Protein backbone atom coordinates (compact mmCIF):
# COMPACT_ATOMS: atom_id res chain seq x y z
CA MET A 1 35.88 10.14 8.37
CA GLU A 2 32.82 7.90 8.27
CA PHE A 3 33.64 5.51 11.12
CA MET A 4 34.69 8.26 13.54
CA GLN A 5 31.49 10.13 12.67
CA GLU A 6 29.50 7.03 13.65
CA ALA A 7 31.41 6.78 16.96
CA ILE A 8 30.65 10.44 17.67
CA SER A 9 27.01 9.90 16.72
CA LEU A 10 26.86 7.02 19.22
CA ALA A 11 28.38 9.30 21.87
CA ASN A 12 25.64 11.81 21.21
CA LYS A 13 23.02 9.03 21.38
CA SER A 14 24.46 8.02 24.73
CA ILE A 15 23.83 11.50 26.11
CA THR A 16 20.17 11.36 25.09
CA GLU A 17 19.88 7.99 26.88
CA HIS A 18 21.46 9.52 30.02
CA GLY A 19 24.78 7.72 29.53
CA GLY A 20 28.27 9.17 29.35
CA PRO A 21 29.38 11.09 26.24
CA PHE A 22 31.31 8.26 24.61
CA GLY A 23 30.78 6.07 21.54
CA ALA A 24 32.79 3.48 19.62
CA VAL A 25 32.59 1.32 16.52
CA ILE A 26 34.63 -1.68 15.45
CA THR A 27 35.34 -2.32 11.80
CA LYS A 28 36.57 -5.26 9.79
CA ASN A 29 37.38 -5.11 6.10
CA GLY A 30 35.88 -1.63 5.85
CA LYS A 31 32.54 -2.52 7.45
CA ILE A 32 31.16 -1.87 10.93
CA VAL A 33 30.92 -5.12 12.89
CA GLY A 34 30.34 -3.68 16.37
CA ARG A 35 28.82 -0.58 17.92
CA GLY A 36 28.82 0.65 21.49
CA ASN A 37 28.04 3.65 23.57
CA ASN A 38 28.61 4.34 27.24
CA LYS A 39 26.02 2.50 29.34
CA VAL A 40 27.59 2.76 32.79
CA THR A 41 24.66 4.60 34.38
CA ILE A 42 22.02 3.05 32.12
CA ASN A 43 23.01 -0.54 33.04
CA ASN A 44 24.49 0.17 36.49
CA ASP A 45 27.67 -1.44 35.14
CA PRO A 46 30.99 0.37 35.68
CA THR A 47 32.57 -1.72 32.91
CA ALA A 48 30.01 -0.70 30.26
CA HIS A 49 32.24 1.87 28.59
CA ALA A 50 31.70 2.51 24.88
CA GLU A 51 34.77 0.54 23.79
CA VAL A 52 33.83 -2.45 25.96
CA THR A 53 30.23 -2.49 24.72
CA ALA A 54 31.50 -2.25 21.11
CA ILE A 55 33.90 -5.15 21.73
CA ARG A 56 31.08 -7.23 23.22
CA ASP A 57 28.85 -6.43 20.23
CA ALA A 58 31.54 -7.29 17.67
CA CYS A 59 32.48 -10.53 19.43
CA GLU A 60 28.84 -11.59 19.56
CA LYS A 61 28.25 -10.77 15.89
CA LEU A 62 31.48 -12.38 14.69
CA LYS A 63 31.15 -15.28 17.15
CA THR A 64 34.73 -14.97 18.35
CA PHE A 65 36.74 -13.54 21.22
CA ASP A 66 39.64 -12.69 18.91
CA LEU A 67 39.12 -9.47 16.98
CA SER A 68 42.40 -9.64 15.06
CA GLY A 69 41.93 -7.90 11.73
CA CYS A 70 39.58 -5.35 13.28
CA GLU A 71 40.02 -1.68 14.18
CA ILE A 72 38.24 0.44 16.76
CA TYR A 73 37.11 4.03 16.39
CA SER A 74 36.38 5.70 19.69
CA SER A 75 35.03 9.18 20.27
CA CYS A 76 37.65 9.56 23.03
CA GLU A 77 41.07 8.16 23.88
CA PRO A 78 40.45 4.86 25.69
CA CYS A 79 40.80 4.72 29.48
CA PRO A 80 43.14 2.10 31.01
CA MET A 81 40.34 -0.46 31.37
CA CYS A 82 39.23 -0.04 27.75
CA LEU A 83 42.80 -0.07 26.52
CA ALA A 84 43.37 -3.38 28.31
CA ALA A 85 40.15 -4.76 26.76
CA ILE A 86 41.38 -3.62 23.33
CA TYR A 87 44.61 -5.54 23.87
CA TRP A 88 42.77 -8.64 25.14
CA ALA A 89 40.48 -8.50 22.08
CA ARG A 90 43.56 -8.30 19.82
CA LEU A 91 42.31 -5.28 17.85
CA ASP A 92 44.80 -4.12 15.22
CA LYS A 93 44.41 -0.33 15.51
CA VAL A 94 42.85 2.35 17.67
CA HIS A 95 41.53 5.62 16.25
CA PHE A 96 40.23 8.23 18.69
CA GLY A 97 38.77 11.73 18.64
CA ALA A 98 39.00 13.58 21.95
CA THR A 99 41.97 13.02 24.27
CA ARG A 100 42.08 11.93 27.89
CA VAL A 101 42.89 15.57 28.73
CA ASP A 102 39.65 16.63 27.02
CA ALA A 103 37.81 14.00 29.08
CA ALA A 104 39.46 15.21 32.30
CA ASP A 105 38.32 18.75 31.50
CA ILE A 106 34.69 17.60 31.85
CA GLY A 107 35.21 15.41 34.91
CA PHE A 108 36.36 12.06 33.49
CA ASP A 109 39.90 12.06 34.86
CA ASP A 110 41.69 8.76 34.23
CA HIS A 111 45.00 10.12 35.53
CA PHE A 112 44.53 8.39 38.91
CA PHE A 113 44.14 5.00 37.20
CA TYR A 114 47.26 5.43 35.08
CA GLU A 115 49.26 6.36 38.21
CA GLU A 116 47.73 3.63 40.37
CA LEU A 117 48.56 0.85 37.90
CA ALA A 118 52.22 1.87 37.95
CA LEU A 119 52.48 1.55 41.75
CA PRO A 120 53.75 -1.57 43.55
CA LEU A 121 50.86 -3.61 45.03
CA ASP A 122 51.61 -2.52 48.59
CA GLN A 123 51.32 1.16 47.66
CA ARG A 124 47.94 1.07 45.91
CA HIS A 125 44.85 2.73 47.36
CA VAL A 126 42.84 -0.50 47.28
CA PRO A 127 44.61 -3.02 49.57
CA MET A 128 45.58 -6.24 47.83
CA TYR A 129 46.29 -9.50 49.67
CA GLN A 130 47.54 -12.76 48.21
CA VAL A 131 45.88 -15.86 49.71
CA LEU A 132 45.73 -19.58 48.82
CA HIS A 133 48.52 -19.24 46.25
CA ASP A 134 49.28 -22.94 45.90
CA GLU A 135 45.61 -23.89 45.37
CA ALA A 136 45.12 -21.16 42.78
CA VAL A 137 48.27 -22.12 40.87
CA LYS A 138 47.19 -25.78 40.88
CA VAL A 139 44.02 -24.89 38.94
CA MET A 140 46.09 -22.86 36.48
CA GLN A 141 48.45 -25.81 35.97
CA GLN A 142 45.47 -28.11 35.34
CA TRP A 143 44.27 -25.79 32.58
CA TYR A 144 47.79 -25.56 31.13
CA ALA A 145 48.04 -29.36 30.95
CA LYS A 146 44.59 -29.76 29.39
CA GLU A 147 45.02 -30.97 25.82
CA ASP A 148 41.71 -29.61 24.46
CA LYS A 149 41.91 -26.13 26.03
CA VAL A 150 40.97 -23.07 24.03
CA GLU A 151 43.81 -20.61 24.32
CA TYR A 152 43.27 -16.86 24.23
């Protein structure tokens, strides 16, 4: 499959650049509109996973934040962060090669994140505290009432 081959090729490229072994492409109407490989260590950016960099590339090229009508091909099953980004980008389909179990076998274990997200806030490893609730909600209500807002 051509698009998955390109994602795997980007994963291999990432290794030669000293990044993680992950690559992704985004397609629309049978053409690649975004490419990404893991740049976490290259850019000192923990969010620079292959899927996220591919989403950023596609959004920039298509000049939109809504990737409806697009599909992503990832060399590996997306982690929770990337999966959330895929949902926020409104991608139609996800195709992946290796599984999260395969990734865990080489030290990329996302199991903790999946478990952590399912826990109540007071049981998570990173303490979470709610402060200035009323002030924060007021700003949200201002945006909601704004007639010329751009929804996403």
